[in-house]
Amino acid sequence: MSRRIGIAIVIVTALAIFVFAAPLAYAVARLYQDQEVIQLEREATEASLSLVGKRIDGSAPITMPTVGHHRSLATYTADGQNIGGNGPRTADSSVMQALNGEVSENHDGGVLEVSVPVINNEHVVGIVRAASPDSAVRQRTRATWFVMSLIGAAALLLAAGVGALVARRLARPIREITKIADRLGEGDFSERAQRAGIPEVDQVADTLNATATRLDEVLSRERAFSADASHQLRTPLTGLRLQIEGALVDEASDYSAVLTESLTEIDRLEATIDDLLALARDARPPTQRLDVDELFNETYAAWRTAAQKQHRALQLKTEFQLPDVHASARAVRQAINVVVDNALKHGAGTVTLHARGSGGGLIIDVSDEGRNRIENATAIFDRRSESASGHGIGLALARSLVEAEGGRLVLRSPGPNTTFSIVFPAYKAAPAVSTSSL
């Protein structure tokens, strides 16, 4: 690319030099010729003035003044005879034209000549001819053209140098951007393009950096979501496996009851898989109102058996006239499942789900009667490794699901009686656009 840019700059410079130099060279040649003609006319005029009042009939010799080394003067009688100076023996066409009383010019046979009439008593009594070879003009013109060529060559060299610098300056950031784009294609989103001080290139770099940041964020969320989702699936699978293995070891187990409970766990696991897949695929904002009553009934049906096994109660409380909230029921259900599972594993007593309105928004509290106190209320939402145990993995997923729907998951009371709250702002419909006809 840099080579093409450099060649393009040199070509454009060469064209510009040619466009300006060609007419300038022609103008120089014409200028030097006109200057020579003017000088010849001046010398011929001075010589003719010196002959005024003298006899120009060949009866007396005529001495011509000294002129430049390449110029010559000659005097002719009215009948065209050379009576002094250097010139043709008889009058040529230029001298014959001057017999009319006007200055004549001629460029013929490689000679520039100017003929000036000598007038005495309003009669042309002779002619003074000044001449010079046009080789002198050509030599002077070629010398100037040579200087112009040197200037043009220097301009081309300068253009080539500037083109190389400009091309290098343009190509370097573009090459860097290309390398970063290749790294992005390979999955490395940590590289960022540096600003080069060129507005167009900087705009591309900023766009690429913004794209890399978005891709990095999306990929990080996808990876985190995959890890957290695998944890959510692994937990019920582990419980189901332990339940079946325990029944196989204990010969007195009621296989029918075990299978019934296993089917319940499988149904919950299938629902979890469906929800997570739907959430991973659907990036559209929610358009339906969140049905809290239906959500609570589904949660109660899913966790009632698990609570009864621990001889614990699952209680639902719903206030009347809850504010309208638009959020994905799947996301909220999975977040509530995480918090309820956390209460059953780490809490004690009755697990209570309480839906209430506050400050124009919706709050869903999930609390238990455990006496343990969470020491670090913020660290429990931090993601840890996939193999870690404790609160971090599931609660991190729950918080990300809620935040993706525009809400917040907070630890309102760290214990005793630990309470997690899911908070959603009330839905505000966009104002209708009124139209009127004229």
Protein backbone atom coordinates (compact mmCIF):
# COMPACT_ATOMS: atom_id res chain seq x y z
CA MET A 1 0.00 0.00 0.00
CA SER A 2 2.78 2.44 0.91
CA ARG A 3 4.42 1.82 -2.46
CA ARG A 4 1.21 2.56 -4.32
CA ILE A 5 0.69 5.76 -2.35
CA GLY A 6 4.27 6.89 -3.04
CA ILE A 7 4.00 6.13 -6.76
CA ALA A 8 0.66 7.96 -6.94
CA ILE A 9 2.14 11.06 -5.31
CA VAL A 10 5.13 11.04 -7.70
CA ILE A 11 2.84 10.61 -10.73
CA VAL A 12 0.58 13.45 -9.62
CA THR A 13 3.61 15.65 -9.00
CA ALA A 14 5.06 14.79 -12.43
CA LEU A 15 1.76 15.62 -14.11
CA ALA A 16 1.56 18.92 -12.24
CA ILE A 17 5.15 19.78 -13.23
CA PHE A 18 4.43 18.96 -16.87
CA VAL A 19 1.18 20.94 -16.91
CA PHE A 20 2.92 24.03 -15.53
CA ALA A 21 6.38 23.55 -17.05
CA ALA A 22 5.35 22.98 -20.67
CA PRO A 23 3.66 26.37 -21.18
CA LEU A 24 6.31 28.01 -19.02
CA ALA A 25 9.09 26.58 -21.19
CA TYR A 26 7.32 27.84 -24.30
CA ALA A 27 6.86 31.26 -22.68
CA VAL A 28 10.57 31.38 -21.80
CA ALA A 29 11.56 30.66 -25.40
CA ARG A 30 9.23 33.36 -26.67
CA LEU A 31 10.46 35.79 -24.01
CA TYR A 32 14.11 35.32 -24.94
CA GLN A 33 13.33 35.71 -28.65
CA ASP A 34 11.30 38.85 -28.01
CA GLN A 35 14.08 40.27 -25.83
CA GLU A 36 16.61 39.61 -28.60
CA VAL A 37 14.36 41.28 -31.19
CA ILE A 38 13.88 44.29 -28.93
CA GLN A 39 17.65 44.57 -28.44
CA LEU A 40 18.25 44.33 -32.19
CA GLU A 41 15.63 47.00 -32.83
CA ARG A 42 17.22 49.26 -30.20
CA GLU A 43 20.71 48.93 -31.70
CA ALA A 44 19.41 49.38 -35.25
CA THR A 45 17.44 52.46 -34.20
CA GLU A 46 20.49 54.01 -32.52
CA ALA A 47 22.56 53.35 -35.63
CA SER A 48 19.89 54.85 -37.92
CA LEU A 49 19.73 58.00 -35.81
CA SER A 50 23.49 58.41 -36.15
CA LEU A 51 23.11 58.35 -39.97
CA VAL A 52 20.49 61.07 -40.19
CA GLY A 53 21.83 63.94 -42.32
CA LYS A 54 24.56 61.84 -43.91
CA ARG A 55 24.77 60.78 -47.53
CA ILE A 56 23.81 57.14 -47.96
CA ASP A 57 24.47 56.62 -51.62
CA GLY A 58 27.77 54.73 -51.60
CA SER A 59 29.87 57.82 -52.29
CA ALA A 60 31.40 57.74 -48.85
CA PRO A 61 32.17 54.81 -46.57
CA ILE A 62 29.81 54.17 -43.62
CA THR A 63 31.28 53.10 -40.33
CA MET A 64 28.87 51.12 -38.13
CA PRO A 65 29.02 51.23 -34.32
CA THR A 66 30.25 48.22 -32.34
CA VAL A 67 27.51 45.92 -30.97
CA GLY A 68 27.39 42.62 -29.09
CA HIS A 69 29.74 39.85 -30.08
CA HIS A 70 26.99 37.78 -31.71
CA ARG A 71 25.13 40.70 -33.32
CA SER A 72 25.93 42.58 -36.53
CA LEU A 73 24.88 45.86 -38.18
CA ALA A 74 24.75 46.76 -41.84
CA THR A 75 23.67 49.83 -43.85
CA TYR A 76 21.86 49.63 -47.18
CA THR A 77 21.07 52.29 -49.71
CA ALA A 78 17.59 52.92 -50.91
CA ASP A 79 18.22 50.65 -53.87
CA GLY A 80 19.35 47.78 -51.60
CA GLN A 81 23.15 47.90 -51.79
CA ASN A 82 25.24 47.12 -48.72
CA ILE A 83 27.55 50.12 -48.16
CA GLY A 84 28.81 49.28 -44.67
CA GLY A 85 28.80 46.71 -41.89
CA ASN A 86 28.26 42.96 -41.86
CA GLY A 87 25.34 41.66 -43.84
CA PRO A 88 24.23 40.34 -47.20
CA ARG A 89 25.62 42.26 -50.20
CA THR A 90 22.14 43.00 -51.42
CA ALA A 91 18.98 43.70 -49.46
CA ASP A 92 16.92 40.75 -48.31
CA SER A 93 13.19 40.63 -47.67
CA SER A 94 13.42 42.35 -44.26
CA VAL A 95 15.39 45.27 -45.71
CA MET A 96 13.03 45.58 -48.65
CA GLN A 97 10.02 45.73 -46.26
CA ALA A 98 11.65 48.58 -44.33
CA LEU A 99 11.80 50.69 -47.52
CA ASN A 100 8.12 51.38 -46.83
CA GLY A 101 9.19 53.48 -43.85
CA GLU A 102 8.28 50.93 -41.14
CA VAL A 103 10.40 48.72 -38.91
CA SER A 104 10.36 45.12 -40.13
CA GLU A 105 11.28 41.86 -38.41
CA ASN A 106 12.24 38.55 -39.92
CA HIS A 107 13.26 35.12 -38.63
CA ASP A 108 14.49 33.07 -41.51
CA GLY A 109 17.44 30.82 -42.17
CA GLY A 110 18.45 30.65 -38.51
CA VAL A 111 18.89 34.43 -38.25
CA LEU A 112 16.91 37.04 -36.32
CA GLU A 113 16.96 40.38 -38.08
CA VAL A 114 15.38 43.80 -37.62
CA SER A 115 15.49 46.50 -40.30
CA VAL A 116 14.98 50.18 -39.39
CA PRO A 117 14.59 52.86 -42.12
CA VAL A 118 16.81 55.98 -42.17
CA ILE A 119 14.50 58.88 -42.93
CA ASN A 120 15.72 62.26 -44.16
CA ASN A 121 13.25 64.98 -45.12
CA GLU A 122 10.42 62.44 -44.86
CA HIS A 123 12.13 60.18 -47.40
CA VAL A 124 13.70 56.82 -46.81
CA VAL A 125 17.33 57.28 -47.78
CA GLY A 126 18.71 54.07 -46.37
CA ILE A 127 18.17 51.01 -44.17
CA VAL A 128 20.00 49.81 -41.07
CA ARG A 129 19.84 46.07 -40.58
CA ALA A 130 20.61 44.46 -37.17
CA ALA A 131 20.91 40.69 -37.06
CA SER A 132 21.95 37.86 -34.75
CA PRO A 133 21.96 34.08 -35.13
CA ASP A 134 19.02 32.41 -33.38
CA SER A 135 21.48 29.87 -31.96
CA ALA A 136 22.28 32.39 -29.23
CA VAL A 137 18.61 32.53 -28.24
CA ARG A 138 18.34 28.76 -28.41
CA GLN A 139 21.42 28.33 -26.24
CA ARG A 140 20.02 30.71 -23.65
CA THR A 141 16.66 28.96 -23.80
CA ARG A 142 18.21 25.51 -23.39
CA ALA A 143 20.20 26.72 -20.39
CA THR A 144 17.00 27.94 -18.76
CA TRP A 145 15.19 24.72 -19.63
CA PHE A 146 18.04 22.77 -18.07
CA VAL A 147 17.65 24.74 -14.84
CA MET A 148 13.91 24.17 -14.96
CA SER A 149 14.52 20.46 -15.48
CA LEU A 150 16.80 20.37 -12.45
CA ILE A 151 14.11 22.12 -10.42
CA GLY A 152 11.51 19.66 -11.70
CA ALA A 153 13.75 16.70 -10.87
CA ALA A 154 14.33 18.11 -7.41
CA ALA A 155 10.58 18.56 -7.01
CA LEU A 156 10.05 14.93 -8.04
CA LEU A 157 12.68 13.73 -5.57
CA LEU A 158 11.09 15.86 -2.87
CA ALA A 159 7.66 14.50 -3.80
CA ALA A 160 9.03 10.97 -3.66
CA GLY A 161 10.48 11.62 -0.20
CA VAL A 162 7.31 13.27 1.06
CA GLY A 163 5.25 10.51 -0.54
CA ALA A 164 7.33 7.87 1.24
CA LEU A 165 6.85 9.64 4.57
CA VAL A 166 3.13 10.15 4.02
CA ALA A 167 2.68 6.59 2.80
CA ARG A 168 4.56 5.23 5.78
CA ARG A 169 2.52 7.39 8.14
CA LEU A 170 -0.73 6.23 6.53
CA ALA A 171 0.26 2.61 6.12
CA ARG A 172 1.63 2.06 9.63
CA PRO A 173 -1.68 2.62 11.50
CA ILE A 174 -3.59 0.74 8.82
CA ARG A 175 -1.23 -2.21 9.18
CA GLU A 176 -1.70 -2.05 12.94
CA ILE A 177 -5.46 -1.96 12.51
CA THR A 178 -5.22 -4.96 10.17
CA LYS A 179 -3.19 -6.90 12.74
CA ILE A 180 -5.67 -6.07 15.48
CA ALA A 181 -8.56 -7.10 13.22
CA ASP A 182 -6.77 -10.42 12.64
CA ARG A 183 -6.38 -10.88 16.40
CA LEU A 184 -10.07 -10.12 16.85
CA GLY A 185 -10.84 -12.80 14.30
CA GLU A 186 -8.69 -15.21 16.33
CA GLY A 187 -10.61 -14.38 19.51
CA ASP A 188 -8.12 -12.01 21.18
CA PHE A 189 -10.11 -8.94 22.22
CA SER A 190 -7.46 -7.40 24.49
CA GLU A 191 -5.64 -5.42 21.78
CA ARG A 192 -6.58 -1.83 21.06
CA ALA A 193 -5.65 0.36 18.09
CA GLN A 194 -3.68 3.51 18.89
CA ARG A 195 -4.69 6.90 17.51
CA ALA A 196 -2.47 8.05 14.65
CA GLY A 197 -3.48 11.70 14.41
CA ILE A 198 -5.24 11.11 11.08
CA PRO A 199 -8.98 11.79 11.48
CA GLU A 200 -10.17 9.13 9.03
CA VAL A 201 -7.81 6.46 10.37
CA ASP A 202 -8.59 7.45 13.97
CA GLN A 203 -12.29 7.04 13.24
CA VAL A 204 -11.66 3.51 11.98
CA ALA A 205 -9.48 2.78 15.03
CA ASP A 206 -12.14 4.09 17.43
CA THR A 207 -14.82 2.02 15.71
CA LEU A 208 -12.63 -1.09 15.82
CA ASN A 209 -11.82 -0.48 19.50
CA ALA A 210 -15.50 -0.06 20.32
CA THR A 211 -16.28 -3.25 18.42
CA ALA A 212 -13.51 -5.10 20.27
CA THR A 213 -14.85 -3.84 23.60
CA ARG A 214 -18.39 -4.93 22.75
CA LEU A 215 -17.21 -8.33 21.54
CA ASP A 216 -15.11 -8.77 24.65
CA GLU A 217 -18.05 -7.90 26.86
CA VAL A 218 -20.39 -10.18 24.93
CA LEU A 219 -17.92 -13.05 24.99
CA SER A 220 -17.24 -12.55 28.69
CA ARG A 221 -20.95 -12.59 29.41
CA GLU A 222 -21.40 -15.67 27.26
CA ARG A 223 -18.57 -17.47 29.02
CA ALA A 224 -19.83 -16.44 32.44
CA PHE A 225 -23.36 -17.39 31.49
CA SER A 226 -22.20 -20.79 30.22
CA ALA A 227 -20.22 -21.48 33.38
CA ASP A 228 -23.03 -20.36 35.65
CA ALA A 229 -25.64 -22.22 33.63
CA SER A 230 -23.57 -25.41 33.82
CA HIS A 231 -23.50 -25.00 37.59
CA GLN A 232 -27.24 -24.54 37.69
CA LEU A 233 -27.66 -27.75 35.72
CA ARG A 234 -25.02 -29.70 37.60
CA THR A 235 -26.58 -29.03 41.03
CA PRO A 236 -29.95 -30.73 40.38
CA LEU A 237 -28.20 -33.51 38.44
CA THR A 238 -25.95 -34.20 41.42
CA GLY A 239 -28.95 -34.26 43.75
CA LEU A 240 -30.84 -36.56 41.41
CA ARG A 241 -27.87 -38.90 41.15
CA LEU A 242 -27.42 -39.06 44.92
CA GLN A 243 -31.12 -39.75 45.39
CA ILE A 244 -31.11 -42.64 42.91
CA GLU A 245 -27.83 -44.09 44.22
CA GLY A 246 -29.16 -43.92 47.78
CA ALA A 247 -32.28 -45.81 46.77
CA LEU A 248 -30.19 -48.50 45.08
CA VAL A 249 -28.04 -48.99 48.17
CA ASP A 250 -31.01 -49.14 50.54
CA GLU A 251 -32.97 -52.31 49.73
CA ALA A 252 -35.90 -51.07 51.78
CA SER A 253 -36.36 -47.98 49.63
CA ASP A 254 -39.69 -47.36 47.95
CA TYR A 255 -38.60 -47.30 44.32
CA SER A 256 -41.94 -45.91 43.19
CA ALA A 257 -41.58 -42.89 45.46
CA VAL A 258 -37.97 -42.41 44.43
CA LEU A 259 -38.90 -42.49 40.76
CA THR A 260 -41.74 -40.06 41.36
CA GLU A 261 -39.40 -37.65 43.10
CA SER A 262 -36.81 -38.16 40.37
CA LEU A 263 -39.38 -37.29 37.72
CA THR A 264 -40.15 -34.10 39.63
CA GLU A 265 -36.46 -33.20 39.66
CA ILE A 266 -36.17 -34.06 35.98
CA ASP A 267 -39.13 -31.79 35.18
CA ARG A 268 -37.47 -28.97 37.09
CA LEU A 269 -34.18 -29.65 35.35
CA GLU A 270 -35.89 -29.66 31.94
CA ALA A 271 -37.59 -26.37 32.73
CA THR A 272 -34.25 -24.90 33.79
CA ILE A 273 -32.63 -26.01 30.52
CA ASP A 274 -35.49 -24.55 28.48
CA ASP A 275 -35.27 -21.24 30.34
CA LEU A 276 -31.50 -20.92 30.02
CA LEU A 277 -31.55 -21.76 26.32
CA ALA A 278 -34.33 -19.29 25.68
CA LEU A 279 -32.51 -16.57 27.61
CA ALA A 280 -29.28 -17.23 25.74
CA ARG A 281 -31.01 -16.97 22.36
CA ASP A 282 -33.47 -14.16 22.98
CA ALA A 283 -31.87 -10.68 23.02
CA ARG A 284 -35.13 -8.76 22.56
CA PRO A 285 -36.44 -6.56 25.35
CA PRO A 286 -39.47 -7.98 27.21
CA THR A 287 -42.81 -6.79 25.91
CA GLN A 288 -45.20 -8.61 28.29
CA ARG A 289 -46.14 -7.81 31.84
CA LEU A 290 -44.56 -9.97 34.53
CA ASP A 291 -47.27 -12.15 36.12
CA VAL A 292 -46.10 -12.39 39.74
CA ASP A 293 -48.91 -14.76 40.84
CA GLU A 294 -48.09 -17.27 38.11
CA LEU A 295 -44.39 -16.92 38.84
CA PHE A 296 -44.93 -17.64 42.56
CA ASN A 297 -47.16 -20.64 41.81
CA GLU A 298 -44.52 -22.14 39.52
CA THR A 299 -41.81 -21.53 42.13
CA TYR A 300 -43.94 -23.15 44.84
CA ALA A 301 -44.60 -26.20 42.68
CA ALA A 302 -40.91 -26.53 41.82
CA TRP A 303 -39.52 -26.25 45.38
CA ARG A 304 -42.28 -27.64 47.59
CA THR A 305 -40.92 -31.18 47.54
CA ALA A 306 -37.36 -30.05 48.27
CA ALA A 307 -38.58 -27.97 51.22
CA GLN A 308 -40.69 -30.82 52.60
CA LYS A 309 -37.68 -33.15 52.54
CA GLN A 310 -35.95 -30.76 54.92
CA HIS A 311 -39.15 -30.42 57.02
CA ARG A 312 -39.33 -26.77 56.11
CA ALA A 313 -42.15 -24.62 54.84
CA LEU A 314 -42.37 -22.52 51.69
CA GLN A 315 -44.59 -19.47 52.12
CA LEU A 316 -45.92 -17.02 49.50
CA LYS A 317 -47.07 -13.45 50.17
CA THR A 318 -48.40 -11.12 47.52
CA GLU A 319 -49.76 -7.62 48.02
CA PHE A 320 -52.71 -6.38 46.05
CA GLN A 321 -52.34 -4.07 43.07
CA LEU A 322 -48.67 -4.61 42.38
CA PRO A 323 -47.09 -2.15 39.92
CA ASP A 324 -46.74 -3.25 36.33
CA VAL A 325 -43.29 -4.58 35.49
CA HIS A 326 -42.07 -5.73 32.08
CA ALA A 327 -39.41 -8.40 32.43
CA SER A 328 -38.69 -11.89 31.15
CA ALA A 329 -40.53 -14.42 33.27
CA ARG A 330 -37.84 -16.99 32.46
CA ALA A 331 -35.04 -14.76 33.76
CA VAL A 332 -36.89 -13.80 36.94
CA ARG A 333 -37.91 -17.44 37.56
CA GLN A 334 -34.31 -18.62 37.29
CA ALA A 335 -33.10 -15.83 39.57
CA ILE A 336 -35.74 -16.73 42.18
CA ASN A 337 -34.80 -20.41 41.86
CA VAL A 338 -31.18 -19.57 42.63
CA VAL A 339 -32.11 -17.55 45.72
CA VAL A 340 -34.61 -20.16 46.97
CA ASP A 341 -32.05 -22.93 46.43
CA ASN A 342 -29.52 -20.83 48.35
CA ALA A 343 -32.02 -20.38 51.24
CA LEU A 344 -32.74 -24.12 51.38
CA LYS A 345 -29.05 -25.02 51.37
CA HIS A 346 -27.62 -22.38 53.68
CA GLY A 347 -30.60 -21.07 55.63
CA ALA A 348 -33.13 -22.51 58.07
CA GLY A 349 -36.81 -22.38 58.89
CA THR A 350 -39.53 -21.12 56.60
CA VAL A 351 -38.57 -19.72 53.22
CA THR A 352 -40.82 -16.77 52.39
CA LEU A 353 -41.41 -15.16 49.00
CA HIS A 354 -42.94 -11.72 49.40
CA ALA A 355 -43.99 -9.54 46.44
CA ARG A 356 -44.64 -5.90 47.29
CA GLY A 357 -44.69 -2.48 45.76
CA SER A 358 -42.30 0.23 46.90
CA GLY A 359 -41.45 3.63 45.46
CA GLY A 360 -43.40 2.89 42.30
CA GLY A 361 -41.46 -0.33 41.64
CA LEU A 362 -41.77 -4.05 42.36
CA ILE A 363 -39.76 -5.83 45.07
CA ILE A 364 -39.62 -9.59 45.49
CA ASP A 365 -38.13 -10.56 48.86
CA VAL A 366 -36.82 -14.08 49.46
CA SER A 367 -36.03 -14.65 53.14
CA ASP A 368 -35.45 -17.50 55.58
CA GLU A 369 -35.19 -17.84 59.37
CA GLY A 370 -31.58 -18.90 59.58
CA ARG A 371 -29.44 -17.50 62.39
CA ASN A 372 -26.19 -17.44 60.41
CA ARG A 373 -24.92 -14.04 59.37
CA ILE A 374 -23.21 -13.39 56.01
CA GLU A 375 -19.96 -11.65 56.80
CA ASN A 376 -19.18 -10.21 53.35
CA ALA A 377 -22.39 -9.00 51.78
CA THR A 378 -20.77 -7.96 48.49
CA ALA A 379 -18.42 -10.91 47.87
CA ILE A 380 -21.29 -13.39 47.67
CA PHE A 381 -22.18 -12.00 44.23
CA ASP A 382 -18.65 -12.34 42.86
CA ARG A 383 -18.09 -15.05 40.31
CA ARG A 384 -15.67 -17.77 41.32
CA SER A 385 -14.31 -20.74 39.47
CA GLU A 386 -16.69 -23.29 38.07
CA SER A 387 -15.51 -25.86 40.61
CA ALA A 388 -16.00 -23.55 43.58
CA SER A 389 -18.67 -24.21 46.16
CA GLY A 390 -20.83 -21.76 48.05
CA HIS A 391 -22.91 -18.80 47.04
CA GLY A 392 -20.77 -17.16 44.36
CA ILE A 393 -21.62 -19.05 41.19
CA GLY A 394 -25.42 -19.22 41.41
CA LEU A 395 -25.89 -15.75 42.88
CA ALA A 396 -23.63 -14.26 40.22
CA LEU A 397 -25.86 -15.81 37.55
CA ALA A 398 -29.00 -14.60 39.30
CA ARG A 399 -27.69 -11.05 39.54
CA SER A 400 -26.66 -11.02 35.85
CA LEU A 401 -30.10 -12.32 34.80
CA VAL A 402 -31.89 -9.66 36.84
CA GLU A 403 -29.62 -6.85 35.66
CA ALA A 404 -30.14 -7.92 32.05
CA GLU A 405 -33.87 -7.27 32.59
CA GLY A 406 -33.24 -3.81 34.04
CA GLY A 407 -33.54 -4.79 37.70
CA ARG A 408 -31.25 -5.31 40.70
CA LEU A 409 -30.54 -8.23 43.03
CA VAL A 410 -29.35 -7.09 46.45
CA LEU A 411 -28.77 -8.59 49.87
CA ARG A 412 -31.17 -6.51 51.94
CA SER A 413 -30.51 -8.26 55.23
CA PRO A 414 -27.27 -10.26 55.73
CA GLY A 415 -28.75 -12.17 58.69
CA PRO A 416 -30.03 -13.42 60.86
CA ASN A 417 -33.20 -13.90 58.82
CA THR A 418 -31.22 -13.44 55.57
CA THR A 419 -33.23 -11.59 52.91
CA PHE A 420 -32.45 -11.16 49.23
CA SER A 421 -34.47 -8.61 47.27
CA ILE A 422 -35.13 -8.49 43.53
CA VAL A 423 -36.06 -4.93 42.58
CA PHE A 424 -37.66 -3.83 39.31
CA PRO A 425 -38.73 -0.29 38.38
CA ALA A 426 -42.34 0.18 37.33
CA TYR A 427 -43.01 -0.01 33.59
CA LYS A 428 -43.65 3.31 31.89
CA ALA A 429 -45.28 3.10 28.51
CA ALA A 430 -43.96 5.38 25.79
CA PRO A 431 -46.24 8.39 25.27
CA ALA A 432 -48.59 7.95 22.34
CA VAL A 433 -47.92 10.15 19.36
CA SER A 434 -51.04 12.11 18.50
CA THR A 435 -51.76 12.88 14.87
CA SER A 436 -54.15 15.40 13.45
CA SER A 437 -55.37 15.88 9.92
CA LEU A 438 -55.74 19.26 8.29
